[in-house]
């Protein structure tokens, strides 16, 4: 029986899409958390950090209930927009964005907080807007934090099992990512296929982390 590469391709497709979305969401959120002084900021920080302490099955269960057509949210999406989140690839994307959010936000938030306030104030004095200061002054000076957040979010999405199983199930070509395929092969006592899936993920994860450590060292040496 030929080896099925589709779960691996689907895994990296999911990780790339989720990481791109997290860049759009995570950088503004991390900026706000780093600089805001509103009273309810602690509540937002707690909600962002919940995936770090919640078992994946718990988060996946509640997301499955919300995404279900029987829930008002899932029902409204399906009946009004024709979008089905439960047991679908779009549902995997939404769930993975929520579950990987702290892995993107926390390193970038720490990067913003590590920058001296004088850097931002000098940009404002020179007539730079907040957007220009963010894009041309702050982000270029926190490349290690951006790289760490990006890689952590990407790697975490690749390795997730509990949430994707609860939300996506095991639909070939739609929601069967590599972690689900490994579980299926082990259940079927097909250890050679499971070993191949696991070996590819191990090798790629190792290469990504090694690249991050090397690049981070080079970036820190140039600062």
Protein backbone atom coordinates (compact mmCIF):
# COMPACT_ATOMS: atom_id res chain seq x y z
CA UNK A 1 0.00 0.00 0.00
CA UNK A 2 1.57 3.35 -1.04
CA UNK A 3 2.33 5.88 1.67
CA UNK A 4 -0.23 8.68 1.93
CA UNK A 5 1.53 12.07 1.99
CA UNK A 6 -1.73 14.03 2.14
CA UNK A 7 -1.85 14.33 5.98
CA UNK A 8 1.63 15.88 6.00
CA UNK A 9 0.76 18.33 3.22
CA UNK A 10 -2.48 19.24 5.01
CA UNK A 11 -0.56 19.75 8.26
CA UNK A 12 1.84 22.26 6.74
CA UNK A 13 -0.96 23.99 4.86
CA UNK A 14 -2.78 24.42 8.16
CA UNK A 15 0.34 25.66 9.95
CA UNK A 16 1.14 28.22 7.22
CA UNK A 17 -2.41 29.62 7.13
CA UNK A 18 -2.69 29.76 10.93
CA UNK A 19 0.71 31.46 11.30
CA UNK A 20 -0.21 34.08 8.69
CA UNK A 21 -3.48 34.83 10.49
CA UNK A 22 -1.70 35.02 13.83
CA UNK A 23 0.70 37.62 12.42
CA UNK A 24 -2.28 39.80 11.52
CA UNK A 25 -3.97 39.27 14.90
CA UNK A 26 -1.03 38.72 17.22
CA UNK A 27 1.13 41.78 16.52
CA UNK A 28 -1.62 44.39 17.18
CA UNK A 29 -2.81 42.43 20.22
CA UNK A 30 0.72 42.13 21.62
CA UNK A 31 1.27 45.86 21.01
CA UNK A 32 -1.92 46.70 22.89
CA UNK A 33 -1.08 44.37 25.80
CA UNK A 34 2.42 45.84 26.06
CA UNK A 35 1.33 49.49 26.12
CA UNK A 36 -2.25 49.58 27.40
CA UNK A 37 -3.08 50.50 31.01
CA UNK A 38 -6.83 49.84 31.05
CA UNK A 39 -8.19 48.05 34.11
CA UNK A 40 -9.52 45.05 32.23
CA UNK A 41 -6.22 44.30 30.46
CA UNK A 42 -5.62 41.46 32.93
CA UNK A 43 -8.84 39.82 31.75
CA UNK A 44 -7.68 39.91 28.12
CA UNK A 45 -4.25 38.55 29.09
CA UNK A 46 -5.94 35.72 30.99
CA UNK A 47 -8.15 34.80 28.03
CA UNK A 48 -5.18 34.86 25.64
CA UNK A 49 -3.17 32.62 27.98
CA UNK A 50 -5.92 30.08 28.72
CA UNK A 51 -4.77 27.63 25.99
CA UNK A 52 -1.46 27.29 27.86
CA UNK A 53 -3.14 25.73 30.91
CA UNK A 54 -6.33 24.17 29.55
CA UNK A 55 -6.17 20.54 28.38
CA UNK A 56 -6.60 20.53 24.59
CA UNK A 57 -9.62 18.24 24.89
CA UNK A 58 -11.39 20.78 27.11
CA UNK A 59 -10.81 23.66 24.72
CA UNK A 60 -11.67 21.43 21.75
CA UNK A 61 -14.90 20.29 23.42
CA UNK A 62 -16.16 23.81 24.04
CA UNK A 63 -15.15 24.96 20.57
CA UNK A 64 -16.98 21.96 19.11
CA UNK A 65 -20.13 22.96 20.98
CA UNK A 66 -19.84 26.56 19.74
CA UNK A 67 -19.11 25.49 16.15
CA UNK A 68 -21.99 23.01 16.10
CA UNK A 69 -25.00 23.90 13.89
CA UNK A 70 -27.14 23.40 17.03
CA UNK A 71 -25.41 26.36 18.72
CA UNK A 72 -26.55 29.86 17.79
CA UNK A 73 -23.06 30.83 16.60
CA UNK A 74 -22.38 27.76 14.49
CA UNK A 75 -25.98 27.73 13.25
CA UNK A 76 -25.83 31.39 12.22
CA UNK A 77 -22.61 30.84 10.27
CA UNK A 78 -23.95 27.80 8.50
CA UNK A 79 -27.43 29.12 7.66
CA UNK A 80 -26.49 32.74 6.88
CA UNK A 81 -23.04 32.39 5.29
CA UNK A 82 -22.88 28.70 4.42
CA UNK A 83 -19.78 28.24 6.59
CA UNK A 84 -19.46 24.97 8.52
CA UNK A 85 -16.77 25.02 11.20
CA UNK A 86 -17.38 21.66 12.90
CA UNK A 87 -15.53 18.83 11.13
CA UNK A 88 -14.09 21.02 8.40
CA UNK A 89 -10.75 22.57 7.45
CA UNK A 90 -11.97 26.15 8.17
CA UNK A 91 -12.91 24.93 11.65
CA UNK A 92 -9.39 23.57 12.13
CA UNK A 93 -8.02 26.98 11.16
CA UNK A 94 -10.19 28.88 13.65
CA UNK A 95 -9.51 26.41 16.47
CA UNK A 96 -5.76 26.36 15.79
CA UNK A 97 -5.62 30.18 15.73
CA UNK A 98 -7.24 30.27 19.18
CA UNK A 99 -5.06 27.47 20.56
CA UNK A 100 -1.77 28.85 19.19
CA UNK A 101 -2.51 32.52 19.94
CA UNK A 102 -0.44 32.78 23.15
CA UNK A 103 2.58 31.25 21.43
CA UNK A 104 2.59 34.17 19.01
CA UNK A 105 1.47 36.94 21.37
CA UNK A 106 3.69 36.33 24.41
CA UNK A 107 7.12 36.53 22.69
CA UNK A 108 6.07 39.61 20.71
CA UNK A 109 4.58 41.27 23.78
CA UNK A 110 7.85 40.65 25.62
CA UNK A 111 9.69 42.15 22.66
CA UNK A 112 7.62 45.34 22.80
CA UNK A 113 8.11 45.61 26.55
CA UNK A 114 11.89 45.17 26.21
CA UNK A 115 12.22 48.20 23.93
CA UNK A 116 13.17 51.41 25.76
CA UNK A 117 10.25 53.88 25.92
CA UNK A 118 12.60 56.59 24.66
CA UNK A 119 12.73 54.87 21.28
CA UNK A 120 9.00 55.28 20.75
CA UNK A 121 8.94 58.79 22.23
CA UNK A 122 11.77 59.94 19.94
CA UNK A 123 9.83 58.70 16.92
CA UNK A 124 6.76 60.66 18.03
CA UNK A 125 8.88 63.80 18.53
CA UNK A 126 10.18 63.39 14.96
CA UNK A 127 6.61 63.44 13.69
CA UNK A 128 6.12 59.72 13.16
CA UNK A 129 2.60 58.38 13.59
CA UNK A 130 1.89 55.34 15.75
CA UNK A 131 1.66 53.17 12.65
CA UNK A 132 4.95 54.43 11.24
CA UNK A 133 6.61 54.03 14.64
CA UNK A 134 5.38 50.45 14.87
CA UNK A 135 6.41 49.44 11.35
CA UNK A 136 9.66 51.41 10.94
CA UNK A 137 11.03 51.70 14.48
CA UNK A 138 9.68 49.09 16.87
CA UNK A 139 9.26 45.94 14.76
CA UNK A 140 12.72 46.21 13.09
CA UNK A 141 14.27 46.37 16.58
CA UNK A 142 12.58 43.22 17.88
CA UNK A 143 13.28 40.71 15.11
CA UNK A 144 14.24 37.90 17.55
CA UNK A 145 10.85 38.20 19.27
CA UNK A 146 9.01 38.16 15.94
CA UNK A 147 10.97 35.13 14.80
CA UNK A 148 10.37 33.29 18.08
CA UNK A 149 6.64 33.96 18.03
CA UNK A 150 6.33 32.91 14.40
CA UNK A 151 8.21 29.65 14.85
CA UNK A 152 6.52 28.73 18.12
CA UNK A 153 3.07 29.27 16.61
CA UNK A 154 4.01 27.32 13.47
CA UNK A 155 5.56 24.42 15.38
CA UNK A 156 2.72 24.28 17.90
CA UNK A 157 0.15 24.07 15.11
CA UNK A 158 2.09 21.24 13.45
CA UNK A 159 2.17 19.19 16.64
CA UNK A 160 -1.36 19.72 17.92
CA UNK A 161 -3.53 16.62 18.38
CA UNK A 162 -6.33 17.09 20.91
CA UNK A 163 -7.97 20.19 19.50
CA UNK A 164 -7.78 19.10 15.86
CA UNK A 165 -9.22 15.69 16.76
CA UNK A 166 -12.16 17.25 18.62
CA UNK A 167 -12.91 19.87 15.98
CA UNK A 168 -11.97 18.10 12.76
CA UNK A 169 -12.31 14.42 13.46
CA UNK A 170 -10.69 12.18 10.87
CA UNK A 171 -11.85 13.17 7.39
CA UNK A 172 -9.33 12.18 4.65
CA UNK A 173 -8.17 15.17 2.65
CA UNK A 174 -10.13 17.57 4.86
CA UNK A 175 -9.13 17.26 8.52
CA UNK A 176 -6.78 14.25 8.74
CA UNK A 177 -3.53 15.99 9.65
CA UNK A 178 -0.28 14.18 10.45
CA UNK A 179 -0.89 13.85 14.21
CA UNK A 180 -4.23 12.14 13.50
CA UNK A 181 -2.61 9.92 10.86
CA UNK A 182 0.05 8.82 13.37
CA UNK A 183 -2.65 7.91 15.89
CA UNK A 184 -4.56 5.94 13.25
CA UNK A 185 -1.47 4.01 12.15
CA UNK A 186 -0.55 3.12 15.73
CA UNK A 187 -4.13 1.96 16.35
CA UNK A 188 -3.82 -0.24 13.25
CA UNK A 189 -0.41 -1.55 14.44
CA UNK A 190 1.13 -0.12 11.27
CA UNK A 191 4.25 1.14 13.01
CA UNK A 192 6.30 1.65 9.85
CA UNK A 193 3.86 4.25 8.49
CA UNK A 194 3.52 5.86 11.91
CA UNK A 195 7.30 6.02 12.16
CA UNK A 196 7.55 7.73 8.78
CA UNK A 197 4.96 10.37 9.69
CA UNK A 198 6.60 10.93 13.08
CA UNK A 199 10.09 10.99 11.58
CA UNK A 200 9.18 13.68 9.06
CA UNK A 201 7.60 15.85 11.75
CA UNK A 202 10.57 15.30 14.07
CA UNK A 203 13.11 16.20 11.40
CA UNK A 204 11.26 19.32 10.27
CA UNK A 205 10.61 20.50 13.84
CA UNK A 206 14.27 19.97 14.74
CA UNK A 207 15.43 21.87 11.65
CA UNK A 208 13.07 24.77 12.36
CA UNK A 209 14.16 25.10 15.99
CA UNK A 210 17.84 24.85 15.07
CA UNK A 211 17.37 27.57 12.47
CA UNK A 212 15.64 29.79 15.05
CA UNK A 213 18.45 29.44 17.59
CA UNK A 214 21.09 30.17 14.96
CA UNK A 215 19.23 33.15 13.51
CA UNK A 216 18.36 34.53 16.94
CA UNK A 217 22.01 34.42 17.94
CA UNK A 218 23.00 36.27 14.77
CA UNK A 219 20.23 38.86 15.25
CA UNK A 220 21.19 39.45 18.89
CA UNK A 221 24.84 39.86 17.91
CA UNK A 222 23.89 42.62 15.47
CA UNK A 223 21.80 44.58 18.00
